[in-house]
Amino acid sequence: MAYTTLIDAPTLAKHLANSNWVIFDCRFSLQMPAQGRKEYEHGHIPGAVYADLDLDLAAPQGPATGRHPLPEVDAFTSWLRRCGVNNHSQVVVYDANGAMFAARLWWMLRWLNHDNVAVLDGGWPAWVAGSYPTSREIPQPEAGDFAGKPDQGMWVTSQEVEELVRSNSKAKQIIDARVEPRFKGEFEPIDLIAGHIPGACNYPCGGNVDDQGRFHAAAQLRDRFHSLFAGRSPGEIINMCGSGVTACRNILAMEIAGWPGTKLYVGSWSEWITDPQRSIEAVK
Protein backbone atom coordinates (compact mmCIF):
# COMPACT_ATOMS: atom_id res chain seq x y z
CA MET A 1 0.00 0.00 0.00
CA ALA A 2 1.25 3.46 -0.93
CA TYR A 3 0.70 6.43 1.38
CA THR A 4 0.17 9.70 -0.48
CA THR A 5 -1.32 12.19 1.99
CA LEU A 6 -1.19 11.16 5.67
CA ILE A 7 0.19 8.29 7.70
CA ASP A 8 -0.27 7.68 11.43
CA ALA A 9 2.44 6.89 13.97
CA PRO A 10 1.49 3.22 14.55
CA THR A 11 1.71 2.49 10.83
CA LEU A 12 5.06 4.22 10.46
CA ALA A 13 6.41 2.35 13.50
CA LYS A 14 5.67 -0.96 11.77
CA HIS A 15 7.84 0.02 8.80
CA LEU A 16 10.94 1.44 10.48
CA ALA A 17 13.00 -1.53 9.33
CA ASN A 18 11.73 -1.35 5.74
CA SER A 19 14.67 -0.30 3.56
CA ASN A 20 12.29 1.07 0.93
CA TRP A 21 10.98 3.70 3.35
CA VAL A 22 12.77 7.05 3.70
CA ILE A 23 11.91 9.42 6.56
CA PHE A 24 12.63 13.14 6.69
CA ASP A 25 12.61 15.31 9.80
CA CYS A 26 11.53 18.82 8.76
CA ARG A 27 11.44 20.58 12.11
CA PHE A 28 12.21 24.27 11.71
CA SER A 29 11.67 27.73 13.15
CA LEU A 30 11.42 30.81 10.95
CA GLN A 31 12.57 32.95 13.87
CA MET A 32 15.47 30.66 14.87
CA PRO A 33 16.58 28.76 11.72
CA ALA A 34 19.12 26.60 13.56
CA GLN A 35 16.60 25.37 16.12
CA GLY A 36 15.16 22.55 14.04
CA ARG A 37 18.51 20.89 13.44
CA LYS A 38 19.35 21.15 17.14
CA GLU A 39 16.09 19.43 18.03
CA TYR A 40 16.80 16.76 15.42
CA GLU A 41 20.26 16.10 16.87
CA HIS A 42 18.76 15.83 20.34
CA GLY A 43 16.38 13.09 19.15
CA HIS A 44 14.47 12.00 16.05
CA ILE A 45 12.65 9.05 14.54
CA PRO A 46 15.21 6.29 13.91
CA GLY A 47 16.65 6.53 10.40
CA ALA A 48 15.21 9.99 9.72
CA VAL A 49 17.32 12.39 7.66
CA TYR A 50 17.17 16.07 8.50
CA ALA A 51 15.68 18.39 5.84
CA ASP A 52 16.60 22.04 6.39
CA LEU A 53 14.00 24.43 4.98
CA ASP A 54 16.55 27.11 4.13
CA LEU A 55 19.36 24.88 2.87
CA ASP A 56 17.68 21.80 1.37
CA LEU A 57 14.13 22.83 0.46
CA ALA A 58 14.85 26.26 -1.00
CA ALA A 59 17.40 28.12 -3.09
CA PRO A 60 19.11 31.25 -1.75
CA GLN A 61 16.88 34.31 -1.76
CA GLY A 62 17.50 36.76 -4.59
CA PRO A 63 16.58 40.44 -4.99
CA ALA A 64 13.40 39.59 -6.92
CA THR A 65 12.44 36.30 -5.25
CA GLY A 66 10.53 35.34 -2.16
CA ARG A 67 12.24 34.09 0.99
CA HIS A 68 12.10 30.44 -0.10
CA PRO A 69 12.39 30.05 -3.88
CA LEU A 70 12.42 26.55 -5.29
CA PRO A 71 15.89 24.99 -5.63
CA GLU A 72 17.23 23.99 -9.00
CA VAL A 73 15.71 20.65 -10.00
CA ASP A 74 19.09 18.92 -10.48
CA ALA A 75 20.37 20.10 -7.10
CA PHE A 76 17.24 19.02 -5.27
CA THR A 77 17.12 15.68 -7.06
CA SER A 78 20.76 15.02 -6.21
CA TRP A 79 20.09 15.82 -2.56
CA LEU A 80 17.17 13.38 -2.50
CA ARG A 81 19.38 10.66 -3.96
CA ARG A 82 22.03 11.31 -1.32
CA CYS A 83 19.32 10.92 1.30
CA GLY A 84 18.54 7.46 -0.03
CA VAL A 85 15.41 8.17 -2.08
CA ASN A 86 14.69 5.77 -4.93
CA ASN A 87 12.08 6.04 -7.64
CA HIS A 88 9.78 3.70 -5.74
CA SER A 89 10.56 4.75 -2.18
CA GLN A 90 7.79 5.39 0.30
CA VAL A 91 8.72 8.74 1.79
CA VAL A 92 7.39 10.01 5.13
CA VAL A 93 7.90 13.59 6.30
CA TYR A 94 7.23 15.16 9.68
CA ASP A 95 7.78 18.22 11.83
CA ALA A 96 6.56 19.49 15.19
CA ASN A 97 4.11 22.10 13.88
CA GLY A 98 1.18 20.22 12.36
CA ALA A 99 2.94 19.85 8.98
CA MET A 100 3.65 23.57 8.67
CA PHE A 101 7.09 22.76 7.22
CA ALA A 102 6.80 19.07 6.33
CA ALA A 103 4.05 19.85 3.82
CA ARG A 104 6.59 21.85 1.81
CA LEU A 105 8.72 18.72 1.23
CA TRP A 106 5.53 16.71 0.59
CA TRP A 107 4.60 19.21 -2.13
CA MET A 108 8.11 19.32 -3.60
CA LEU A 109 8.23 15.56 -4.03
CA ARG A 110 4.84 15.69 -5.72
CA TRP A 111 6.22 18.48 -7.91
CA LEU A 112 8.85 15.96 -9.06
CA ASN A 113 6.09 13.40 -9.75
CA HIS A 114 6.86 11.25 -6.71
CA ASP A 115 3.41 10.47 -5.34
CA ASN A 116 4.44 8.02 -2.61
CA VAL A 117 5.02 10.65 0.06
CA ALA A 118 2.96 11.15 3.20
CA VAL A 119 2.96 13.47 6.18
CA LEU A 120 3.10 11.91 9.64
CA ASP A 121 -0.21 13.03 11.13
CA GLY A 122 0.51 14.79 14.42
CA GLY A 123 4.22 14.82 13.64
CA TRP A 124 6.95 14.53 16.24
CA PRO A 125 4.58 15.20 19.19
CA ALA A 126 2.39 12.26 18.16
CA TRP A 127 5.45 10.03 17.85
CA VAL A 128 6.72 10.97 21.31
CA ALA A 129 3.25 10.70 22.86
CA GLY A 130 3.00 7.15 21.53
CA SER A 131 6.31 6.21 23.21
CA TYR A 132 7.78 5.04 19.92
CA PRO A 133 11.57 4.66 19.61
CA THR A 134 13.79 7.68 19.08
CA SER A 135 17.44 8.01 18.18
CA ARG A 136 20.32 10.47 18.18
CA GLU A 137 22.23 8.53 15.55
CA ILE A 138 22.76 10.47 12.32
CA PRO A 139 21.99 8.03 9.48
CA GLN A 140 24.35 7.49 6.57
CA PRO A 141 21.94 6.29 3.87
CA GLU A 142 22.99 4.41 0.79
CA ALA A 143 22.52 6.64 -2.25
CA GLY A 144 19.30 6.15 -4.15
CA ASP A 145 18.46 6.32 -7.85
CA PHE A 146 15.69 8.92 -7.75
CA ALA A 147 15.15 10.74 -11.04
CA GLY A 148 12.24 13.12 -10.68
CA LYS A 149 10.56 14.97 -13.53
CA PRO A 150 9.15 18.35 -12.48
CA ASP A 151 5.54 19.25 -13.19
CA GLN A 152 5.82 22.98 -13.75
CA GLY A 153 2.04 23.24 -14.01
CA MET A 154 1.78 22.83 -10.24
CA TRP A 155 2.93 26.37 -9.49
CA VAL A 156 2.48 29.89 -10.78
CA THR A 157 4.81 32.85 -11.17
CA SER A 158 4.44 36.44 -10.01
CA GLN A 159 3.79 37.42 -13.61
CA GLU A 160 0.82 35.07 -13.80
CA VAL A 161 -0.56 36.48 -10.56
CA GLU A 162 -0.07 40.03 -11.89
CA GLU A 163 -2.13 39.16 -14.97
CA LEU A 164 -4.87 37.74 -12.78
CA VAL A 165 -4.96 40.87 -10.61
CA ARG A 166 -4.98 43.19 -13.62
CA SER A 167 -7.83 41.30 -15.27
CA ASN A 168 -9.92 41.37 -12.08
CA SER A 169 -11.16 37.95 -13.18
CA LYS A 170 -13.19 35.83 -10.79
CA ALA A 171 -12.42 32.63 -12.70
CA LYS A 172 -9.50 31.91 -10.38
CA GLN A 173 -9.14 32.44 -6.66
CA ILE A 174 -6.02 33.25 -4.66
CA ILE A 175 -6.13 31.81 -1.13
CA ASP A 176 -3.67 33.28 1.38
CA ALA A 177 -2.68 30.89 4.18
CA ARG A 178 -1.23 33.50 6.57
CA VAL A 179 -2.91 34.38 9.84
CA GLU A 180 -5.65 36.99 9.53
CA PRO A 181 -3.78 39.97 11.09
CA ARG A 182 -0.92 39.51 8.61
CA PHE A 183 -3.35 39.14 5.72
CA LYS A 184 -5.15 42.34 6.74
CA GLY A 185 -1.86 44.17 7.14
CA GLU A 186 -2.45 44.89 10.82
CA PHE A 187 1.06 43.67 11.59
CA GLU A 188 3.93 42.03 9.72
CA PRO A 189 6.58 40.24 11.79
CA ILE A 190 8.65 38.84 8.91
CA ASP A 191 8.33 40.74 5.64
CA LEU A 192 9.06 44.42 4.98
CA ILE A 193 5.56 45.39 3.82
CA ALA A 194 2.21 44.42 5.29
CA GLY A 195 -1.00 43.61 3.47
CA HIS A 196 -2.25 41.20 0.82
CA ILE A 197 -2.72 40.78 -2.91
CA PRO A 198 -5.92 42.40 -4.23
CA GLY A 199 -8.66 39.83 -4.77
CA ALA A 200 -7.11 37.24 -2.48
CA CYS A 201 -9.15 35.66 0.29
CA ASN A 202 -7.81 34.46 3.61
CA TYR A 203 -7.78 30.91 4.96
CA PRO A 204 -5.13 30.51 7.70
CA CYS A 205 -3.54 27.09 7.32
CA GLY A 206 -3.76 26.45 11.05
CA GLY A 207 -7.47 25.79 10.58
CA ASN A 208 -6.66 22.43 8.97
CA VAL A 209 -5.45 20.77 12.16
CA ASP A 210 -6.64 20.22 15.71
CA ASP A 211 -4.87 21.14 18.94
CA GLN A 212 -2.63 18.05 18.59
CA GLY A 213 -1.53 19.00 15.08
CA ARG A 214 -3.61 16.24 13.46
CA PHE A 215 -5.56 17.02 10.32
CA HIS A 216 -9.31 17.27 10.55
CA ALA A 217 -11.40 14.60 8.85
CA ALA A 218 -11.87 14.89 5.09
CA ALA A 219 -15.57 15.75 5.42
CA GLN A 220 -14.81 18.60 7.82
CA LEU A 221 -12.11 19.94 5.52
CA ARG A 222 -14.51 19.78 2.55
CA ASP A 223 -17.00 21.88 4.49
CA ARG A 224 -14.30 24.42 5.31
CA PHE A 225 -13.11 24.79 1.71
CA HIS A 226 -16.47 24.57 -0.03
CA SER A 227 -17.23 28.29 0.04
CA LEU A 228 -13.70 29.21 -1.01
CA PHE A 229 -13.87 27.05 -4.13
CA ALA A 230 -17.32 28.46 -5.01
CA GLY A 231 -17.74 26.01 -7.86
CA ARG A 232 -14.23 26.44 -9.23
CA SER A 233 -12.11 23.45 -10.18
CA PRO A 234 -8.94 22.73 -8.17
CA GLY A 235 -6.78 24.00 -11.03
CA GLU A 236 -8.37 27.42 -10.62
CA ILE A 237 -7.21 27.74 -7.01
CA ILE A 238 -3.88 29.44 -6.29
CA ASN A 239 -2.44 28.98 -2.80
CA MET A 240 0.00 31.44 -1.28
CA CYS A 241 1.43 32.51 2.08
CA GLY A 242 4.51 34.45 3.13
CA SER A 243 7.10 32.49 1.16
CA GLY A 244 5.47 29.41 -0.41
CA VAL A 245 5.90 27.14 2.60
CA THR A 246 2.83 27.12 4.86
CA ALA A 247 0.54 27.37 1.83
CA CYS A 248 1.52 23.76 1.14
CA ARG A 249 -0.39 22.79 4.28
CA ASN A 250 -3.55 24.14 2.62
CA ILE A 251 -2.72 22.22 -0.57
CA LEU A 252 -2.34 19.01 1.43
CA ALA A 253 -5.60 19.65 3.28
CA MET A 254 -7.39 20.26 -0.01
CA GLU A 255 -6.10 16.96 -1.35
CA ILE A 256 -7.27 15.17 1.80
CA ALA A 257 -10.65 16.82 1.26
CA GLY A 258 -10.84 15.43 -2.28
CA TRP A 259 -9.63 18.43 -4.26
CA PRO A 260 -6.20 17.51 -5.66
CA GLY A 261 -4.47 19.71 -8.20
CA THR A 262 -4.58 23.20 -6.68
CA LYS A 263 -1.60 25.39 -7.49
CA LEU A 264 1.11 27.08 -5.42
CA TYR A 265 2.35 30.63 -5.84
CA VAL A 266 5.90 29.77 -4.82
CA GLY A 267 7.14 33.34 -4.41
CA SER A 268 4.06 34.36 -2.40
CA TRP A 269 3.87 37.62 -0.45
CA SER A 270 7.62 38.02 0.09
CA GLU A 271 8.18 37.93 -3.69
CA TRP A 272 5.14 40.01 -4.55
CA ILE A 273 6.42 42.96 -2.52
CA THR A 274 9.84 43.05 -4.23
CA ASP A 275 8.27 45.07 -7.05
CA PRO A 276 6.83 48.41 -5.86
CA GLN A 277 4.63 48.54 -8.97
CA ARG A 278 2.55 45.61 -7.74
CA SER A 279 -0.60 46.67 -5.98
CA ILE A 280 -1.39 45.71 -2.39
CA GLU A 281 -4.35 45.98 -0.07
CA ALA A 282 -4.32 46.53 3.69
CA VAL A 283 -6.58 47.67 6.48
CA LYS A 284 -6.88 51.47 6.44
Foldseek 3Di string as FASTA:
>chain_A
DFDFEEDEQVVVLVCPVPLLEAEEEEAADPVDGCVSVVVVLVKDAPRYAYARQQPQQADPDDLQFARGHGDDPVSNQQVCQQSPHALQGQYEYFYQALCLFRLSVSVVCVQQVRRRYYYHFLGPVSNVVVVRDMDNDHDRYHGYDDDGDGDVLQADELVVVLVCLVVVDPLAAEEEQEDPCQQQQVDDDPADGGHFAPRHHYDHLVVQADPSSGGDQLVVLCVVCVVVCVPHAQCRYEYAYRAQRSSSSVQSSCVNNPRHRHHYHRRHPRNQVSDVVHDGHHDD
